[in-house]
Structures are given as C-alpha cells and as structure tokens.
Amino acid sequence: MKFNQQTLQKLEAILSQSDYIIRYERGNFQSGWCLLEAKRVVVLNKFLDIEGRINTLIDLIPQITIHYDKLTIDSQRLYDEINKEVIISPDSPSV
C-alpha cells in the first residue's frame, strides 16, 4: 500500500461511507486516535504525517463497525484488503 494523500483519502472514505466523522485535532493520544463511539467520531492526532495517519487508520478500521453494504465497490475492495492483512499479520500469535 502506498503512503500518499490518495490512499489516505480512500481510507477516510471507508469511514465516511459508514457514517463516521473524521476530525484531526491535537491532544494526548496514546495510539494516535480517539474514538467517540456513541457519536461515530474518529479523532486523529493532527500532528501525524501522512504515513502515520494511514497506519493509524489501517489499525483502526478493523476495530470499528463498518457498514459494508454502504461502501462503494472500491472501498469494499480496500476494506477487504485491510482485513486480510490483519488476519495474516506477523503480529498474530503462532499456533
């Protein structure tokens, strides 16, 4: 996955198509993001560079409820790719 503005916009589209609001704010974020679940707001640390924002969204998206049927076909492909990476992540415990 390329770390550029277009990739960031595609990841943001997945969230916005699932009715999440994305805000870039400063704050004391341990992991670069804060999720206000009841209001469906994702707050990312505005001081992250593009690579940090992309990595943060890739880590975040599998953890939240995404309405797959609301996603465009391109967003569905990207969402499936992100979830596939999570399943075969090298951080996954070995059996």
N, C-alpha and C. Protein backbone atom coordinates (compact mmCIF):
# COMPACT_ATOMS: atom_id res chain seq x y z
N MET A 1 0.85 -1.18 0.00
CA MET A 1 0.00 0.00 0.00
C MET A 1 0.89 1.24 0.00
N LYS A 2 0.57 2.17 -0.86
CA LYS A 2 1.36 3.40 -0.96
C LYS A 2 0.94 4.37 0.13
N PHE A 3 1.90 5.11 0.63
CA PHE A 3 1.64 6.10 1.67
C PHE A 3 1.58 7.48 1.04
N ASN A 4 0.42 7.79 0.43
CA ASN A 4 0.25 9.09 -0.19
C ASN A 4 -1.15 9.64 0.13
N GLN A 5 -1.41 10.84 -0.30
CA GLN A 5 -2.67 11.52 0.01
C GLN A 5 -3.87 10.76 -0.55
N GLN A 6 -3.71 10.16 -1.72
CA GLN A 6 -4.82 9.43 -2.34
C GLN A 6 -5.20 8.21 -1.49
N THR A 7 -4.23 7.49 -0.97
CA THR A 7 -4.52 6.34 -0.10
C THR A 7 -5.21 6.81 1.17
N LEU A 8 -4.75 7.91 1.74
CA LEU A 8 -5.38 8.47 2.94
C LEU A 8 -6.84 8.81 2.65
N GLN A 9 -7.12 9.41 1.52
CA GLN A 9 -8.49 9.77 1.16
C GLN A 9 -9.38 8.54 0.98
N LYS A 10 -8.81 7.46 0.44
CA LYS A 10 -9.57 6.22 0.28
C LYS A 10 -9.92 5.62 1.64
N LEU A 11 -8.98 5.66 2.57
CA LEU A 11 -9.25 5.14 3.91
C LEU A 11 -10.29 6.00 4.62
N GLU A 12 -10.17 7.31 4.48
CA GLU A 12 -11.15 8.22 5.06
C GLU A 12 -12.54 7.98 4.47
N ALA A 13 -12.59 7.61 3.18
CA ALA A 13 -13.88 7.35 2.52
C ALA A 13 -14.57 6.15 3.14
N ILE A 14 -13.82 5.13 3.52
CA ILE A 14 -14.42 3.96 4.17
C ILE A 14 -15.15 4.39 5.43
N LEU A 15 -14.51 5.24 6.22
CA LEU A 15 -15.14 5.71 7.46
C LEU A 15 -16.34 6.60 7.17
N SER A 16 -16.19 7.52 6.25
CA SER A 16 -17.30 8.45 5.99
C SER A 16 -18.49 7.74 5.37
N GLN A 17 -18.26 6.72 4.55
CA GLN A 17 -19.36 5.96 3.96
C GLN A 17 -20.08 5.11 5.01
N SER A 18 -19.42 4.88 6.14
CA SER A 18 -20.05 4.15 7.25
C SER A 18 -20.55 5.13 8.31
N ASP A 19 -20.73 6.37 7.92
CA ASP A 19 -21.31 7.42 8.77
C ASP A 19 -20.43 7.83 9.95
N TYR A 20 -19.12 7.69 9.81
CA TYR A 20 -18.20 8.21 10.82
C TYR A 20 -17.72 9.58 10.38
N ILE A 21 -17.50 10.45 11.33
CA ILE A 21 -16.92 11.77 11.08
C ILE A 21 -15.46 11.68 11.48
N ILE A 22 -14.59 12.19 10.64
CA ILE A 22 -13.15 12.17 10.92
C ILE A 22 -12.72 13.59 11.23
N ARG A 23 -12.06 13.72 12.37
CA ARG A 23 -11.54 15.04 12.76
C ARG A 23 -10.07 14.90 13.08
N TYR A 24 -9.30 15.89 12.71
CA TYR A 24 -7.89 15.95 13.04
C TYR A 24 -7.71 17.04 14.10
N GLU A 25 -7.34 16.61 15.28
CA GLU A 25 -7.20 17.52 16.42
C GLU A 25 -5.91 17.22 17.15
N ARG A 26 -5.47 18.14 17.97
CA ARG A 26 -4.32 17.85 18.81
C ARG A 26 -4.83 17.38 20.16
N GLY A 27 -4.02 16.59 20.79
CA GLY A 27 -4.43 16.05 22.09
C GLY A 27 -3.43 15.01 22.55
N ASN A 28 -3.69 14.44 23.69
CA ASN A 28 -2.81 13.45 24.26
C ASN A 28 -3.33 12.06 23.88
N PHE A 29 -3.02 11.64 22.65
CA PHE A 29 -3.48 10.36 22.15
C PHE A 29 -2.36 9.34 22.29
N GLN A 30 -2.60 8.26 22.99
CA GLN A 30 -1.57 7.24 23.13
C GLN A 30 -1.30 6.55 21.81
N SER A 31 -2.34 6.26 21.06
CA SER A 31 -2.15 5.50 19.83
C SER A 31 -2.41 6.33 18.58
N GLY A 32 -2.51 7.62 18.70
CA GLY A 32 -2.73 8.48 17.55
C GLY A 32 -4.18 8.72 17.20
N TRP A 33 -5.11 8.07 17.94
CA TRP A 33 -6.53 8.25 17.63
C TRP A 33 -7.37 8.12 18.88
N CYS A 34 -8.59 8.62 18.79
CA CYS A 34 -9.57 8.52 19.86
C CYS A 34 -10.91 8.29 19.17
N LEU A 35 -11.70 7.37 19.70
CA LEU A 35 -12.97 7.04 19.08
C LEU A 35 -14.10 7.39 20.03
N LEU A 36 -14.99 8.23 19.57
CA LEU A 36 -16.19 8.56 20.33
C LEU A 36 -17.31 7.73 19.73
N GLU A 37 -17.47 6.50 20.22
CA GLU A 37 -18.35 5.50 19.60
C GLU A 37 -19.80 5.98 19.52
N ALA A 38 -20.32 6.56 20.56
CA ALA A 38 -21.72 6.96 20.57
C ALA A 38 -22.02 8.00 19.48
N LYS A 39 -21.05 8.83 19.16
CA LYS A 39 -21.25 9.88 18.16
C LYS A 39 -20.65 9.53 16.81
N ARG A 40 -20.01 8.35 16.72
CA ARG A 40 -19.38 7.88 15.49
C ARG A 40 -18.38 8.91 14.96
N VAL A 41 -17.52 9.38 15.85
CA VAL A 41 -16.49 10.34 15.51
C VAL A 41 -15.13 9.71 15.76
N VAL A 42 -14.27 9.79 14.77
CA VAL A 42 -12.89 9.34 14.90
C VAL A 42 -12.03 10.60 14.95
N VAL A 43 -11.25 10.73 16.00
CA VAL A 43 -10.37 11.89 16.15
C VAL A 43 -8.94 11.39 16.03
N LEU A 44 -8.23 11.90 15.04
CA LEU A 44 -6.84 11.53 14.82
C LEU A 44 -5.94 12.69 15.24
N ASN A 45 -4.75 12.34 15.69
CA ASN A 45 -3.78 13.34 16.07
C ASN A 45 -3.35 14.12 14.83
N LYS A 46 -3.55 15.42 14.84
CA LYS A 46 -3.28 16.22 13.65
C LYS A 46 -1.79 16.38 13.38
N PHE A 47 -0.95 15.99 14.33
CA PHE A 47 0.49 16.12 14.14
C PHE A 47 1.10 14.89 13.46
N LEU A 48 0.29 13.87 13.18
CA LEU A 48 0.80 12.71 12.46
C LEU A 48 1.05 13.08 11.00
N ASP A 49 2.12 12.54 10.42
CA ASP A 49 2.35 12.73 8.99
C ASP A 49 1.43 11.79 8.22
N ILE A 50 1.47 11.84 6.90
CA ILE A 50 0.56 11.03 6.09
C ILE A 50 0.76 9.54 6.37
N GLU A 51 2.00 9.10 6.47
CA GLU A 51 2.25 7.68 6.75
C GLU A 51 1.67 7.28 8.10
N GLY A 52 1.82 8.13 9.09
CA GLY A 52 1.26 7.86 10.41
C GLY A 52 -0.26 7.83 10.39
N ARG A 53 -0.87 8.72 9.64
CA ARG A 53 -2.33 8.74 9.53
C ARG A 53 -2.84 7.47 8.84
N ILE A 54 -2.16 7.06 7.78
CA ILE A 54 -2.57 5.85 7.06
C ILE A 54 -2.43 4.63 7.96
N ASN A 55 -1.29 4.50 8.62
CA ASN A 55 -1.08 3.35 9.51
C ASN A 55 -2.09 3.34 10.65
N THR A 56 -2.42 4.49 11.17
CA THR A 56 -3.40 4.58 12.25
C THR A 56 -4.78 4.13 11.76
N LEU A 57 -5.19 4.59 10.58
CA LEU A 57 -6.49 4.20 10.04
C LEU A 57 -6.53 2.70 9.70
N ILE A 58 -5.41 2.17 9.21
CA ILE A 58 -5.36 0.73 8.91
C ILE A 58 -5.51 -0.08 10.20
N ASP A 59 -4.94 0.41 11.29
CA ASP A 59 -5.09 -0.27 12.58
C ASP A 59 -6.50 -0.10 13.14
N LEU A 60 -7.10 1.04 12.90
CA LEU A 60 -8.40 1.38 13.49
C LEU A 60 -9.58 0.72 12.78
N ILE A 61 -9.58 0.72 11.47
CA ILE A 61 -10.74 0.28 10.69
C ILE A 61 -11.23 -1.13 11.06
N PRO A 62 -10.35 -2.12 11.24
CA PRO A 62 -10.87 -3.45 11.62
C PRO A 62 -11.50 -3.49 13.02
N GLN A 63 -11.25 -2.50 13.85
CA GLN A 63 -11.74 -2.49 15.22
C GLN A 63 -13.12 -1.87 15.37
N ILE A 64 -13.61 -1.20 14.35
CA ILE A 64 -14.89 -0.50 14.47
C ILE A 64 -15.92 -1.12 13.53
N THR A 65 -17.16 -0.77 13.75
CA THR A 65 -18.26 -1.30 12.94
C THR A 65 -18.32 -0.54 11.62
N ILE A 66 -18.08 -1.26 10.55
CA ILE A 66 -18.16 -0.69 9.21
C ILE A 66 -19.38 -1.28 8.51
N HIS A 67 -20.19 -0.45 7.92
CA HIS A 67 -21.37 -0.90 7.18
C HIS A 67 -20.94 -1.25 5.76
N TYR A 68 -20.60 -2.51 5.57
CA TYR A 68 -20.04 -2.98 4.30
C TYR A 68 -20.96 -2.67 3.11
N ASP A 69 -22.26 -2.82 3.30
CA ASP A 69 -23.20 -2.59 2.21
C ASP A 69 -23.29 -1.12 1.79
N LYS A 70 -22.84 -0.21 2.63
CA LYS A 70 -22.85 1.22 2.28
C LYS A 70 -21.61 1.64 1.50
N LEU A 71 -20.59 0.77 1.49
CA LEU A 71 -19.32 1.12 0.85
C LEU A 71 -19.43 1.00 -0.67
N THR A 72 -18.70 1.85 -1.36
CA THR A 72 -18.59 1.71 -2.81
C THR A 72 -17.77 0.46 -3.10
N ILE A 73 -17.78 0.02 -4.33
CA ILE A 73 -17.03 -1.20 -4.69
C ILE A 73 -15.54 -1.01 -4.42
N ASP A 74 -14.99 0.16 -4.75
CA ASP A 74 -13.57 0.41 -4.48
C ASP A 74 -13.29 0.38 -2.98
N SER A 75 -14.18 0.96 -2.20
CA SER A 75 -13.99 0.96 -0.75
C SER A 75 -14.11 -0.45 -0.18
N GLN A 76 -15.01 -1.25 -0.75
CA GLN A 76 -15.15 -2.64 -0.30
C GLN A 76 -13.87 -3.42 -0.56
N ARG A 77 -13.26 -3.21 -1.72
CA ARG A 77 -12.00 -3.89 -2.04
C ARG A 77 -10.91 -3.51 -1.05
N LEU A 78 -10.79 -2.22 -0.79
CA LEU A 78 -9.77 -1.75 0.15
C LEU A 78 -10.05 -2.28 1.56
N TYR A 79 -11.31 -2.27 1.96
CA TYR A 79 -11.69 -2.79 3.28
C TYR A 79 -11.34 -4.28 3.40
N ASP A 80 -11.64 -5.05 2.35
CA ASP A 80 -11.29 -6.48 2.35
C ASP A 80 -9.78 -6.67 2.43
N GLU A 81 -9.03 -5.83 1.72
CA GLU A 81 -7.57 -5.91 1.75
C GLU A 81 -7.03 -5.62 3.14
N ILE A 82 -7.59 -4.62 3.79
CA ILE A 82 -7.16 -4.26 5.15
C ILE A 82 -7.45 -5.41 6.11
N ASN A 83 -8.63 -5.99 6.01
CA ASN A 83 -8.98 -7.10 6.90
C ASN A 83 -8.14 -8.33 6.62
N LYS A 84 -7.78 -8.56 5.37
CA LYS A 84 -6.92 -9.70 5.04
C LYS A 84 -5.55 -9.52 5.67
N GLU A 85 -5.02 -8.30 5.64
CA GLU A 85 -3.72 -8.01 6.24
C GLU A 85 -3.75 -8.23 7.74
N VAL A 86 -4.87 -7.90 8.39
CA VAL A 86 -4.99 -8.07 9.83
C VAL A 86 -4.96 -9.55 10.17
N ILE A 87 -5.62 -10.39 9.35
CA ILE A 87 -5.70 -11.82 9.63
C ILE A 87 -4.33 -12.47 9.48
N ILE A 88 -3.55 -12.09 8.47
CA ILE A 88 -2.24 -12.70 8.26
C ILE A 88 -1.11 -11.80 8.74
N SER A 89 -1.39 -10.93 9.65
CA SER A 89 -0.38 -10.03 10.19
C SER A 89 0.71 -10.83 10.91
N PRO A 90 1.96 -10.42 10.79
CA PRO A 90 3.03 -11.12 11.50
C PRO A 90 2.91 -10.97 13.02
N ASP A 91 2.11 -10.05 13.47
CA ASP A 91 1.90 -9.88 14.91
C ASP A 91 0.93 -10.89 15.47
N SER A 92 0.24 -11.63 14.58
CA SER A 92 -0.72 -12.63 15.04
C SER A 92 0.02 -13.76 15.75
N PRO A 93 -0.56 -14.27 16.84
CA PRO A 93 0.11 -15.34 17.57
C PRO A 93 0.20 -16.61 16.73
N SER A 94 1.30 -17.31 16.85
CA SER A 94 1.50 -18.56 16.13
C SER A 94 0.86 -19.70 16.88
N VAL A 95 0.45 -20.72 16.13
CA VAL A 95 -0.16 -21.88 16.75
C VAL A 95 0.88 -22.94 16.99
